[in-house]
Amino acid sequence: MKEIPNLHYFRSKNSFSGSSGLFRYRLDPDGELLRAAAWFGPDCMDRTEEKKILKKEFPLDADGLGAAVSWLEQVQKEEQV
C-alpha cells in the first residue's frame, strides 16, 4: 500500500485513493469523519458493485487515521490468505 498522506491533508478536505495489485482503497474526509472504502478488482470505485465495497468510518483525528490505515492493511491481508 502507498504511503498515506498526513492528517493535515485530510483536514484540508482532500480525498486519497490508491491500489496495490487488485486491492483498491479510498479515504474521504467528511466533517469530523474519515470514510474508508476498500474493494478488490480491476475497476475504480464508481464501476464496482456497491455490495463488493467494504466501508468503515473513523474519527478525523490522528488516532482515527491510524485506525483507518490499520483497517485497510487488515482488509488487504485477509484477502491474500
Protein backbone atom coordinates (compact mmCIF):
# COMPACT_ATOMS: atom_id res chain seq x y z
CA MET A 1 0.00 0.00 0.00
CA LYS A 2 1.22 3.50 -0.83
CA GLU A 3 2.19 5.91 1.89
CA ILE A 4 -0.98 7.57 3.19
CA PRO A 5 -0.94 11.39 3.46
CA ASN A 6 -0.83 13.04 6.88
CA LEU A 7 -3.81 14.27 8.88
CA HIS A 8 -3.47 17.86 7.59
CA TYR A 9 -4.06 16.57 4.04
CA PHE A 10 -7.44 15.13 5.04
CA ARG A 11 -8.35 18.06 7.32
CA SER A 12 -7.87 20.23 4.20
CA LYS A 13 -10.79 18.28 2.64
CA ASN A 14 -8.68 16.21 0.25
CA SER A 15 -9.57 12.64 -0.70
CA PHE A 16 -6.98 9.97 -1.37
CA SER A 17 -7.14 6.72 -3.30
CA GLY A 18 -4.66 4.06 -4.19
CA SER A 19 -4.15 0.47 -5.18
CA SER A 20 -1.83 -2.46 -4.77
CA GLY A 21 -2.39 -5.23 -7.28
CA LEU A 22 -6.16 -5.73 -7.38
CA PHE A 23 -6.65 -4.16 -3.94
CA ARG A 24 -8.21 -0.70 -4.20
CA TYR A 25 -8.92 1.81 -1.44
CA ARG A 26 -10.15 5.32 -0.87
CA LEU A 27 -10.17 7.73 2.08
CA ASP A 28 -12.60 10.66 2.12
CA PRO A 29 -12.92 13.29 4.83
CA ASP A 30 -16.50 14.24 5.73
CA GLY A 31 -16.84 16.79 8.51
CA GLU A 32 -15.24 15.18 11.55
CA LEU A 33 -15.24 11.71 9.95
CA LEU A 34 -12.81 9.89 7.73
CA ARG A 35 -14.69 7.45 5.48
CA ALA A 36 -12.64 4.48 4.31
CA ALA A 37 -13.56 2.16 1.47
CA ALA A 38 -11.79 -0.97 0.21
CA TRP A 39 -12.52 -3.39 -2.62
CA PHE A 40 -10.83 -5.87 -4.90
CA GLY A 41 -10.92 -5.93 -8.66
CA PRO A 42 -9.74 -4.14 -11.76
CA ASP A 43 -12.31 -1.33 -11.64
CA CYS A 44 -12.49 2.03 -9.89
CA MET A 45 -14.97 2.57 -7.07
CA ASP A 46 -17.61 4.09 -9.36
CA ARG A 47 -17.59 0.99 -11.58
CA THR A 48 -17.62 -1.55 -8.73
CA GLU A 49 -20.85 -3.02 -7.38
CA GLU A 50 -21.76 -1.37 -4.08
CA LYS A 51 -22.10 -4.73 -2.32
CA LYS A 52 -18.43 -5.53 -3.11
CA ILE A 53 -17.12 -2.39 -1.39
CA LEU A 54 -16.23 -2.62 2.30
CA LYS A 55 -16.73 0.66 4.16
CA LYS A 56 -15.91 1.92 7.61
CA GLU A 57 -15.88 5.33 9.32
CA PHE A 58 -13.24 6.70 11.66
CA PRO A 59 -12.83 9.96 13.57
CA LEU A 60 -10.90 12.56 11.60
CA ASP A 61 -8.01 12.76 14.05
CA ALA A 62 -4.58 11.16 14.40
CA ASP A 63 -5.94 8.04 16.10
CA GLY A 64 -8.70 7.68 13.52
CA LEU A 65 -6.27 8.00 10.63
CA GLY A 66 -4.03 5.34 12.19
CA ALA A 67 -7.03 3.06 12.72
CA ALA A 68 -8.18 3.59 9.11
CA VAL A 69 -4.75 2.64 7.76
CA SER A 70 -4.66 -0.43 10.02
CA TRP A 71 -8.13 -1.43 8.84
CA LEU A 72 -7.11 -1.09 5.18
CA GLU A 73 -4.00 -3.19 5.81
CA GLN A 74 -6.11 -5.85 7.55
CA VAL A 75 -8.63 -5.97 4.69
CA GLN A 76 -5.79 -6.35 2.20
CA LYS A 77 -4.13 -9.07 4.26
CA GLU A 78 -7.34 -11.08 4.76
CA GLU A 79 -7.91 -11.28 1.01
CA GLN A 80 -4.40 -12.63 0.45
CA VAL A 81 -4.96 -15.59 2.83
